[in-house]
């Protein structure tokens, strides 16, 4: 499937910027199941300082904000060819050893609720892949998808306790519980083309677990499936913080407002 993507992020500052740097993870990965045909990024009131790959093989673009700016706009456009491998990405790559993805982070650290969830799955006596699919299904049963009920810093345990959250929360619960089950797991940020629309709600997030014999396998807990050709992987990490589309620091002001517009549509492939 050929997907055309347009992603615009507009953020304003409370006062004119003195100094500010923004770290962008907005360039899709070249991995099994997707080829990047073209990708560009344009800026208003900002400029590229540096491009590099981080420890997760994410492409990082470091941009500097123009002094005196009160608003920055980042626009990404590109075309990606995708294929359905039932969520299987394959062997581990990157600068970090696989065991790195078995340790908990502040966002995934389990409490009593997540420990009980992992125990429920373990007691069913399933094979590893079946166990992970069952874990995904249980999370969706117990945590309703509802926008506006959590924040980017909400922990997995807190989202499970309130039984409401969004894709980031579902992924963090899955990751934390999988690690309790001694399965390496990581967070993925990217794009999803919903079948009934071009303009999407936002970027998307899901999880991947490392299964012996298959390698990394994706689980979109919020939609109850493994990623198919409608998904585009952009960044991965131990949790959302490692894969967030935009993070940054500023001096002399604070970010006041953020607006995101994402459009993903299928394009016909010329024969």
C-alpha atoms as a PDB file:
ATOM      1  CA  UNK A   1       0.000   0.000   0.000  1.00  0.00           C
ATOM      2  CA  UNK A   2       1.292   3.474  -0.836  1.00  0.00           C
ATOM      3  CA  UNK A   3       0.522   6.047   1.858  1.00  0.00           C
ATOM      4  CA  UNK A   4       0.842   9.816   1.546  1.00  0.00           C
ATOM      5  CA  UNK A   5       1.353  11.593   4.865  1.00  0.00           C
ATOM      6  CA  UNK A   6       1.152  15.229   5.909  1.00  0.00           C
ATOM      7  CA  UNK A   7       1.854  16.101   9.537  1.00  0.00           C
ATOM      8  CA  UNK A   8       1.785  19.694  10.786  1.00  0.00           C
ATOM      9  CA  UNK A   9       2.693  20.710  14.322  1.00  0.00           C
ATOM     10  CA  UNK A  10       2.141  24.301  15.422  1.00  0.00           C
ATOM     11  CA  UNK A  11       3.199  25.432  18.867  1.00  0.00           C
ATOM     12  CA  UNK A  12       3.228  28.887  20.394  1.00  0.00           C
ATOM     13  CA  UNK A  13       5.214  30.359  23.267  1.00  0.00           C
ATOM     14  CA  UNK A  14       4.026  32.457  26.164  1.00  0.00           C
ATOM     15  CA  UNK A  15       6.685  35.101  25.432  1.00  0.00           C
ATOM     16  CA  UNK A  16       9.218  35.621  22.603  1.00  0.00           C
ATOM     17  CA  UNK A  17      11.919  32.942  22.618  1.00  0.00           C
ATOM     18  CA  UNK A  18      15.389  33.759  23.890  1.00  0.00           C
ATOM     19  CA  UNK A  19      16.953  30.354  23.133  1.00  0.00           C
ATOM     20  CA  UNK A  20      15.186  27.085  22.282  1.00  0.00           C
ATOM     21  CA  UNK A  21      16.061  23.697  20.815  1.00  0.00           C
ATOM     22  CA  UNK A  22      13.550  21.103  19.656  1.00  0.00           C
ATOM     23  CA  UNK A  23      14.326  17.413  19.180  1.00  0.00           C
ATOM     24  CA  UNK A  24      12.201  15.969  16.358  1.00  0.00           C
ATOM     25  CA  UNK A  25      11.545  12.256  15.834  1.00  0.00           C
ATOM     26  CA  UNK A  26       9.471  12.688  12.701  1.00  0.00           C
ATOM     27  CA  UNK A  27      11.315  10.693  10.014  1.00  0.00           C
ATOM     28  CA  UNK A  28       9.937   7.168   9.413  1.00  0.00           C
ATOM     29  CA  UNK A  29      12.245   4.197   9.831  1.00  0.00           C
ATOM     30  CA  UNK A  30      13.445   1.968   6.982  1.00  0.00           C
ATOM     31  CA  UNK A  31      12.365  -1.415   8.348  1.00  0.00           C
ATOM     32  CA  UNK A  32      10.751  -4.639   7.208  1.00  0.00           C
ATOM     33  CA  UNK A  33       7.353  -3.772   5.818  1.00  0.00           C
ATOM     34  CA  UNK A  34       7.984  -0.184   4.783  1.00  0.00           C
ATOM     35  CA  UNK A  35      10.106   1.749   2.303  1.00  0.00           C
ATOM     36  CA  UNK A  36      10.407   5.530   2.458  1.00  0.00           C
ATOM     37  CA  UNK A  37       9.973   6.918  -1.068  1.00  0.00           C
ATOM     38  CA  UNK A  38      10.311  10.582  -0.108  1.00  0.00           C
ATOM     39  CA  UNK A  39      10.215  12.619   3.087  1.00  0.00           C
ATOM     40  CA  UNK A  40      10.703  16.337   3.702  1.00  0.00           C
ATOM     41  CA  UNK A  41      10.416  18.632   6.714  1.00  0.00           C
ATOM     42  CA  UNK A  42       9.783  22.373   6.545  1.00  0.00           C
ATOM     43  CA  UNK A  43       9.952  24.923   9.361  1.00  0.00           C
ATOM     44  CA  UNK A  44       8.598  28.349  10.133  1.00  0.00           C
ATOM     45  CA  UNK A  45      10.711  30.309  12.643  1.00  0.00           C
ATOM     46  CA  UNK A  46      13.169  27.433  13.077  1.00  0.00           C
ATOM     47  CA  UNK A  47      16.173  25.900  11.306  1.00  0.00           C
ATOM     48  CA  UNK A  48      18.019  22.577  11.293  1.00  0.00           C
ATOM     49  CA  UNK A  49      21.019  22.385  13.609  1.00  0.00           C
ATOM     50  CA  UNK A  50      21.910  18.691  13.326  1.00  0.00           C
ATOM     51  CA  UNK A  51      20.693  15.277  12.109  1.00  0.00           C
ATOM     52  CA  UNK A  52      21.753  12.038  13.789  1.00  0.00           C
ATOM     53  CA  UNK A  53      20.578   8.525  14.726  1.00  0.00           C
ATOM     54  CA  UNK A  54      19.952   7.834  18.413  1.00  0.00           C
ATOM     55  CA  UNK A  55      20.489   4.611  20.369  1.00  0.00           C
ATOM     56  CA  UNK A  56      17.181   3.191  19.047  1.00  0.00           C
ATOM     57  CA  UNK A  57      18.051   3.909  15.391  1.00  0.00           C
ATOM     58  CA  UNK A  58      15.526   6.762  15.390  1.00  0.00           C
ATOM     59  CA  UNK A  59      16.406   9.623  13.057  1.00  0.00           C
ATOM     60  CA  UNK A  60      16.710  12.760  15.168  1.00  0.00           C
ATOM     61  CA  UNK A  61      16.521  16.267  13.735  1.00  0.00           C
ATOM     62  CA  UNK A  62      17.666  18.929  16.166  1.00  0.00           C
ATOM     63  CA  UNK A  63      16.216  22.339  15.274  1.00  0.00           C
ATOM     64  CA  UNK A  64      16.926  25.743  16.714  1.00  0.00           C
ATOM     65  CA  UNK A  65      14.113  28.240  17.209  1.00  0.00           C
ATOM     66  CA  UNK A  66      14.716  31.739  15.872  1.00  0.00           C
ATOM     67  CA  UNK A  67      15.276  34.266  18.704  1.00  0.00           C
ATOM     68  CA  UNK A  68      12.192  36.397  19.240  1.00  0.00           C
ATOM     69  CA  UNK A  69       9.787  33.853  17.729  1.00  0.00           C
ATOM     70  CA  UNK A  70       6.419  33.382  19.406  1.00  0.00           C
ATOM     71  CA  UNK A  71       5.297  30.489  17.193  1.00  0.00           C
ATOM     72  CA  UNK A  72       6.947  27.558  15.390  1.00  0.00           C
ATOM     73  CA  UNK A  73       5.405  25.424  12.664  1.00  0.00           C
ATOM     74  CA  UNK A  74       6.874  22.064  11.591  1.00  0.00           C
ATOM     75  CA  UNK A  75       5.404  20.435   8.476  1.00  0.00           C
ATOM     76  CA  UNK A  76       6.346  16.911   7.363  1.00  0.00           C
ATOM     77  CA  UNK A  77       5.340  15.440   4.016  1.00  0.00           C
ATOM     78  CA  UNK A  78       6.183  12.108   2.483  1.00  0.00           C
ATOM     79  CA  UNK A  79       5.251   8.915   0.731  1.00  0.00           C
ATOM     80  CA  UNK A  80       5.770   5.442   2.174  1.00  0.00           C
ATOM     81  CA  UNK A  81       5.203   1.995   0.663  1.00  0.00           C
ATOM     82  CA  UNK A  82       3.952  -0.496   3.250  1.00  0.00           C
ATOM     83  CA  UNK A  83       3.368  -4.256   3.343  1.00  0.00           C
ATOM     84  CA  UNK A  84       1.455  -6.546   5.703  1.00  0.00           C
ATOM     85  CA  UNK A  85       3.720  -8.905   7.668  1.00  0.00           C
ATOM     86  CA  UNK A  86       1.159  -9.454  10.456  1.00  0.00           C
ATOM     87  CA  UNK A  87       3.108  -7.079  12.665  1.00  0.00           C
ATOM     88  CA  UNK A  88       6.390  -8.998  12.462  1.00  0.00           C
ATOM     89  CA  UNK A  89       9.387  -6.653  12.217  1.00  0.00           C
ATOM     90  CA  UNK A  90      12.023  -9.341  12.677  1.00  0.00           C
ATOM     91  CA  UNK A  91      15.415  -9.514  14.333  1.00  0.00           C
ATOM     92  CA  UNK A  92      16.618  -6.989  16.866  1.00  0.00           C
ATOM     93  CA  UNK A  93      18.689  -4.060  15.613  1.00  0.00           C
ATOM     94  CA  UNK A  94      19.999  -0.906  17.210  1.00  0.00           C
ATOM     95  CA  UNK A  95      22.765   0.073  19.579  1.00  0.00           C
ATOM     96  CA  UNK A  96      21.069  -1.251  22.724  1.00  0.00           C
ATOM     97  CA  UNK A  97      21.145  -4.922  23.783  1.00  0.00           C
ATOM     98  CA  UNK A  98      17.840  -6.770  23.927  1.00  0.00           C
ATOM     99  CA  UNK A  99      17.891  -6.986  27.736  1.00  0.00           C
ATOM    100  CA  UNK A 100      17.532  -3.190  27.838  1.00  0.00           C
ATOM    101  CA  UNK A 101      13.863  -3.661  26.937  1.00  0.00           C
ATOM    102  CA  UNK A 102      13.187  -5.882  29.957  1.00  0.00           C
ATOM    103  CA  UNK A 103      13.795  -3.165  32.532  1.00  0.00           C
ATOM    104  CA  UNK A 104      10.911  -0.969  33.665  1.00  0.00           C
ATOM    105  CA  UNK A 105      10.796   2.818  33.280  1.00  0.00           C
ATOM    106  CA  UNK A 106       8.882   5.360  35.398  1.00  0.00           C
ATOM    107  CA  UNK A 107       5.989   5.247  32.905  1.00  0.00           C
ATOM    108  CA  UNK A 108       5.759   1.431  32.799  1.00  0.00           C
ATOM    109  CA  UNK A 109       6.587   0.487  36.406  1.00  0.00           C
ATOM    110  CA  UNK A 110       3.908  -1.972  37.578  1.00  0.00           C
ATOM    111  CA  UNK A 111       1.874  -1.768  40.748  1.00  0.00           C
ATOM    112  CA  UNK A 112      -0.653  -4.211  42.164  1.00  0.00           C
ATOM    113  CA  UNK A 113      -3.025  -3.914  39.197  1.00  0.00           C
ATOM    114  CA  UNK A 114      -0.461  -4.678  36.511  1.00  0.00           C
ATOM    115  CA  UNK A 115       1.030  -7.508  38.567  1.00  0.00           C
ATOM    116  CA  UNK A 116      -2.440  -9.063  38.804  1.00  0.00           C
ATOM    117  CA  UNK A 117      -2.915  -8.604  35.050  1.00  0.00           C
ATOM    118  CA  UNK A 118       0.353 -10.390  34.281  1.00  0.00           C
ATOM    119  CA  UNK A 119      -0.522 -13.130  36.748  1.00  0.00           C
ATOM    120  CA  UNK A 120      -3.907 -13.683  35.080  1.00  0.00           C
ATOM    121  CA  UNK A 121      -2.255 -14.125  31.682  1.00  0.00           C
ATOM    122  CA  UNK A 122       0.519 -16.353  33.005  1.00  0.00           C
ATOM    123  CA  UNK A 123      -1.968 -18.679  34.723  1.00  0.00           C
ATOM    124  CA  UNK A 124      -3.691 -19.419  31.409  1.00  0.00           C
ATOM    125  CA  UNK A 125      -0.602 -21.417  30.388  1.00  0.00           C
ATOM    126  CA  UNK A 126      -0.411 -20.100  26.819  1.00  0.00           C
ATOM    127  CA  UNK A 127       2.517 -20.141  24.411  1.00  0.00           C
ATOM    128  CA  UNK A 128       4.433 -16.830  24.255  1.00  0.00           C
ATOM    129  CA  UNK A 129       2.729 -15.392  21.167  1.00  0.00           C
ATOM    130  CA  UNK A 130      -0.726 -16.492  22.323  1.00  0.00           C
ATOM    131  CA  UNK A 131       0.027 -15.074  25.769  1.00  0.00           C
ATOM    132  CA  UNK A 132       0.871 -11.664  24.308  1.00  0.00           C
ATOM    133  CA  UNK A 133      -2.266 -11.573  22.174  1.00  0.00           C
ATOM    134  CA  UNK A 134      -4.279 -12.497  25.273  1.00  0.00           C
ATOM    135  CA  UNK A 135      -2.560  -9.742  27.245  1.00  0.00           C
ATOM    136  CA  UNK A 136      -3.471  -7.220  24.556  1.00  0.00           C
ATOM    137  CA  UNK A 137      -7.107  -8.333  24.577  1.00  0.00           C
ATOM    138  CA  UNK A 138      -7.353  -8.186  28.388  1.00  0.00           C
ATOM    139  CA  UNK A 139      -5.986  -4.628  28.456  1.00  0.00           C
ATOM    140  CA  UNK A 140      -8.573  -3.495  25.910  1.00  0.00           C
ATOM    141  CA  UNK A 141     -11.307  -5.194  27.945  1.00  0.00           C
ATOM    142  CA  UNK A 142     -10.252  -3.512  31.178  1.00  0.00           C
ATOM    143  CA  UNK A 143      -9.144  -0.054  29.985  1.00  0.00           C
ATOM    144  CA  UNK A 144     -11.672   1.856  27.894  1.00  0.00           C
ATOM    145  CA  UNK A 145     -10.267   4.009  25.081  1.00  0.00           C
ATOM    146  CA  UNK A 146     -11.317   7.536  25.984  1.00  0.00           C
ATOM    147  CA  UNK A 147      -9.621  10.759  24.884  1.00  0.00           C
ATOM    148  CA  UNK A 148      -8.959  13.414  27.512  1.00  0.00           C
ATOM    149  CA  UNK A 149      -8.724  11.123  30.537  1.00  0.00           C
ATOM    150  CA  UNK A 150      -4.904  10.944  30.766  1.00  0.00           C
ATOM    151  CA  UNK A 151      -1.816  13.081  30.088  1.00  0.00           C
ATOM    152  CA  UNK A 152       1.541  12.302  28.446  1.00  0.00           C
ATOM    153  CA  UNK A 153       3.038  11.703  31.901  1.00  0.00           C
ATOM    154  CA  UNK A 154       0.265   9.367  33.150  1.00  0.00           C
ATOM    155  CA  UNK A 155       1.774   6.075  34.279  1.00  0.00           C
ATOM    156  CA  UNK A 156       0.609   2.681  33.080  1.00  0.00           C
ATOM    157  CA  UNK A 157      -0.499   1.698  36.580  1.00  0.00           C
ATOM    158  CA  UNK A 158      -2.568   4.895  36.974  1.00  0.00           C
ATOM    159  CA  UNK A 159      -4.307   4.367  33.615  1.00  0.00           C
ATOM    160  CA  UNK A 160      -5.117   0.755  34.506  1.00  0.00           C
ATOM    161  CA  UNK A 161      -6.470   1.821  37.903  1.00  0.00           C
ATOM    162  CA  UNK A 162      -8.868   4.365  36.404  1.00  0.00           C
ATOM    163  CA  UNK A 163      -9.799   1.960  33.577  1.00  0.00           C
ATOM    164  CA  UNK A 164      -9.597   4.705  30.931  1.00  0.00           C
ATOM    165  CA  UNK A 165      -6.887   5.923  28.599  1.00  0.00           C
ATOM    166  CA  UNK A 166      -5.619   6.310  25.046  1.00  0.00           C
ATOM    167  CA  UNK A 167      -3.213   4.413  22.812  1.00  0.00           C
ATOM    168  CA  UNK A 168      -0.168   5.574  24.778  1.00  0.00           C
ATOM    169  CA  UNK A 169      -1.655   4.196  28.002  1.00  0.00           C
ATOM    170  CA  UNK A 170      -2.644   0.884  26.411  1.00  0.00           C
ATOM    171  CA  UNK A 171       0.898   0.494  25.055  1.00  0.00           C
ATOM    172  CA  UNK A 172       2.537   1.322  28.388  1.00  0.00           C
ATOM    173  CA  UNK A 173       0.365  -1.175  30.269  1.00  0.00           C
ATOM    174  CA  UNK A 174       1.214  -3.857  27.699  1.00  0.00           C
ATOM    175  CA  UNK A 175       4.939  -3.049  27.852  1.00  0.00           C
ATOM    176  CA  UNK A 176       5.071  -3.091  31.660  1.00  0.00           C
ATOM    177  CA  UNK A 177       3.107  -6.336  31.918  1.00  0.00           C
ATOM    178  CA  UNK A 178       5.142  -8.030  29.161  1.00  0.00           C
ATOM    179  CA  UNK A 179       8.337  -7.171  31.023  1.00  0.00           C
ATOM    180  CA  UNK A 180       6.857  -8.734  34.152  1.00  0.00           C
ATOM    181  CA  UNK A 181       6.412 -11.859  32.025  1.00  0.00           C
ATOM    182  CA  UNK A 182      10.139 -11.680  31.088  1.00  0.00           C
ATOM    183  CA  UNK A 183       9.372 -10.582  27.523  1.00  0.00           C
ATOM    184  CA  UNK A 184      11.349  -7.628  26.088  1.00  0.00           C
ATOM    185  CA  UNK A 185       8.926  -4.910  24.980  1.00  0.00           C
ATOM    186  CA  UNK A 186       9.115  -1.402  23.537  1.00  0.00           C
ATOM    187  CA  UNK A 187       7.008   1.589  22.496  1.00  0.00           C
ATOM    188  CA  UNK A 188       6.369   2.605  18.871  1.00  0.00           C
ATOM    189  CA  UNK A 189       5.179   5.977  17.618  1.00  0.00           C
ATOM    190  CA  UNK A 190       3.959   6.451  14.075  1.00  0.00           C
ATOM    191  CA  UNK A 191       0.982   6.881  11.789  1.00  0.00           C
ATOM    192  CA  UNK A 192      -2.187   4.888  11.214  1.00  0.00           C
ATOM    193  CA  UNK A 193      -4.536   5.401   8.289  1.00  0.00           C
ATOM    194  CA  UNK A 194      -8.055   4.857   9.588  1.00  0.00           C
ATOM    195  CA  UNK A 195     -10.239   3.434   6.807  1.00  0.00           C
ATOM    196  CA  UNK A 196     -13.048   5.974   7.113  1.00  0.00           C
ATOM    197  CA  UNK A 197     -11.063   9.230   6.984  1.00  0.00           C
ATOM    198  CA  UNK A 198      -8.029  11.078   5.655  1.00  0.00           C
ATOM    199  CA  UNK A 199      -7.656  13.540   8.536  1.00  0.00           C
ATOM    200  CA  UNK A 200      -6.554  11.504  11.552  1.00  0.00           C
ATOM    201  CA  UNK A 201      -7.009  12.394  15.218  1.00  0.00           C
ATOM    202  CA  UNK A 202      -3.246  12.518  15.846  1.00  0.00           C
ATOM    203  CA  UNK A 203      -0.144  10.393  15.545  1.00  0.00           C
ATOM    204  CA  UNK A 204      -0.546   6.860  16.867  1.00  0.00           C
ATOM    205  CA  UNK A 205       1.233   4.688  19.416  1.00  0.00           C
ATOM    206  CA  UNK A 206       1.468   0.933  19.916  1.00  0.00           C
ATOM    207  CA  UNK A 207       3.791  -1.701  21.389  1.00  0.00           C
ATOM    208  CA  UNK A 208       6.192  -4.354  20.158  1.00  0.00           C
ATOM    209  CA  UNK A 209       7.335  -7.473  21.994  1.00  0.00           C
ATOM    210  CA  UNK A 210      10.297  -9.696  21.184  1.00  0.00           C
ATOM    211  CA  UNK A 211       9.205 -13.295  20.554  1.00  0.00           C
ATOM    212  CA  UNK A 212      11.755 -16.057  20.131  1.00  0.00           C
ATOM    213  CA  UNK A 213      11.808 -17.295  16.532  1.00  0.00           C
ATOM    214  CA  UNK A 214       9.983 -14.226  15.191  1.00  0.00           C
ATOM    215  CA  UNK A 215      11.845 -11.241  16.592  1.00  0.00           C
ATOM    216  CA  UNK A 216       9.917  -8.031  17.222  1.00  0.00           C
ATOM    217  CA  UNK A 217       6.142  -8.311  16.794  1.00  0.00           C
ATOM    218  CA  UNK A 218       3.710  -5.384  16.922  1.00  0.00           C
ATOM    219  CA  UNK A 219       0.527  -5.145  19.016  1.00  0.00           C
ATOM    220  CA  UNK A 220      -1.926  -2.267  18.575  1.00  0.00           C
ATOM    221  CA  UNK A 221      -3.827  -2.748  21.804  1.00  0.00           C
ATOM    222  CA  UNK A 222      -6.265   0.115  21.192  1.00  0.00           C
ATOM    223  CA  UNK A 223      -7.504  -1.423  17.942  1.00  0.00           C
ATOM    224  CA  UNK A 224      -7.128  -5.061  18.958  1.00  0.00           C
ATOM    225  CA  UNK A 225      -4.884  -6.055  16.027  1.00  0.00           C
ATOM    226  CA  UNK A 226      -1.285  -6.440  14.969  1.00  0.00           C
ATOM    227  CA  UNK A 227      -0.140  -3.580  12.687  1.00  0.00           C
ATOM    228  CA  UNK A 228      -0.756  -4.104   8.981  1.00  0.00           C
ATOM    229  CA  UNK A 229      -0.094  -2.092   5.813  1.00  0.00           C
ATOM    230  CA  UNK A 230      -2.016   0.918   7.159  1.00  0.00           C
ATOM    231  CA  UNK A 231       0.705   1.602   9.754  1.00  0.00           C
ATOM    232  CA  UNK A 232       3.935   3.573   9.397  1.00  0.00           C
ATOM    233  CA  UNK A 233       6.630   3.172  12.075  1.00  0.00           C
ATOM    234  CA  UNK A 234       8.492   6.367  12.920  1.00  0.00           C
ATOM    235  CA  UNK A 235      10.304   5.947  16.254  1.00  0.00           C
ATOM    236  CA  UNK A 236      10.795   3.325  18.968  1.00  0.00           C
ATOM    237  CA  UNK A 237      11.971   3.399  22.567  1.00  0.00           C
ATOM    238  CA  UNK A 238      11.662   1.959  26.036  1.00  0.00           C
ATOM    239  CA  UNK A 239       8.545   4.091  26.519  1.00  0.00           C
ATOM    240  CA  UNK A 240       6.824   7.144  25.006  1.00  0.00           C
ATOM    241  CA  UNK A 241       9.530   9.534  26.165  1.00  0.00           C
ATOM    242  CA  UNK A 242      12.116   7.799  23.960  1.00  0.00           C
ATOM    243  CA  UNK A 243       9.816   7.950  20.912  1.00  0.00           C
ATOM    244  CA  UNK A 244       7.917  11.236  21.367  1.00  0.00           C
ATOM    245  CA  UNK A 245       7.550  13.133  18.059  1.00  0.00           C
ATOM    246  CA  UNK A 246       8.753  16.437  19.540  1.00  0.00           C
ATOM    247  CA  UNK A 247      10.606  17.227  22.752  1.00  0.00           C
ATOM    248  CA  UNK A 248      12.567  20.343  23.559  1.00  0.00           C
ATOM    249  CA  UNK A 249      14.019  22.888  25.912  1.00  0.00           C
ATOM    250  CA  UNK A 250      13.574  26.669  25.953  1.00  0.00           C
ATOM    251  CA  UNK A 251      14.984  29.573  27.916  1.00  0.00           C
ATOM    252  CA  UNK A 252      13.077  32.727  28.774  1.00  0.00           C
ATOM    253  CA  UNK A 253       9.628  31.334  27.933  1.00  0.00           C
ATOM    254  CA  UNK A 254       7.361  28.288  28.092  1.00  0.00           C
ATOM    255  CA  UNK A 255       5.238  26.523  25.501  1.00  0.00           C
ATOM    256  CA  UNK A 256       1.679  27.776  25.776  1.00  0.00           C
ATOM    257  CA  UNK A 257      -0.298  25.913  23.109  1.00  0.00           C
ATOM    258  CA  UNK A 258       0.160  22.986  20.732  1.00  0.00           C
ATOM    259  CA  UNK A 259      -1.867  22.079  17.643  1.00  0.00           C
ATOM    260  CA  UNK A 260      -1.340  18.935  15.565  1.00  0.00           C
ATOM    261  CA  UNK A 261      -2.909  18.035  12.213  1.00  0.00           C
ATOM    262  CA  UNK A 262      -2.254  14.636  10.615  1.00  0.00           C
ATOM    263  CA  UNK A 263      -3.526  13.458   7.229  1.00  0.00           C
ATOM    264  CA  UNK A 264      -2.854   9.937   5.884  1.00  0.00           C
ATOM    265  CA  UNK A 265      -4.325   8.687   2.618  1.00  0.00           C
ATOM    266  CA  UNK A 266      -3.783   5.858   0.181  1.00  0.00           C
ATOM    267  CA  UNK A 267      -2.257   6.626  -3.215  1.00  0.00           C
ATOM    268  CA  UNK A 268      -2.582   4.500  -6.304  1.00  0.00           C
ATOM    269  CA  UNK A 269       0.615   2.735  -7.383  1.00  0.00           C
ATOM    270  CA  UNK A 270       1.438   3.295 -11.057  1.00  0.00           C
ATOM    271  CA  UNK A 271       2.037   0.041 -12.913  1.00  0.00           C
END
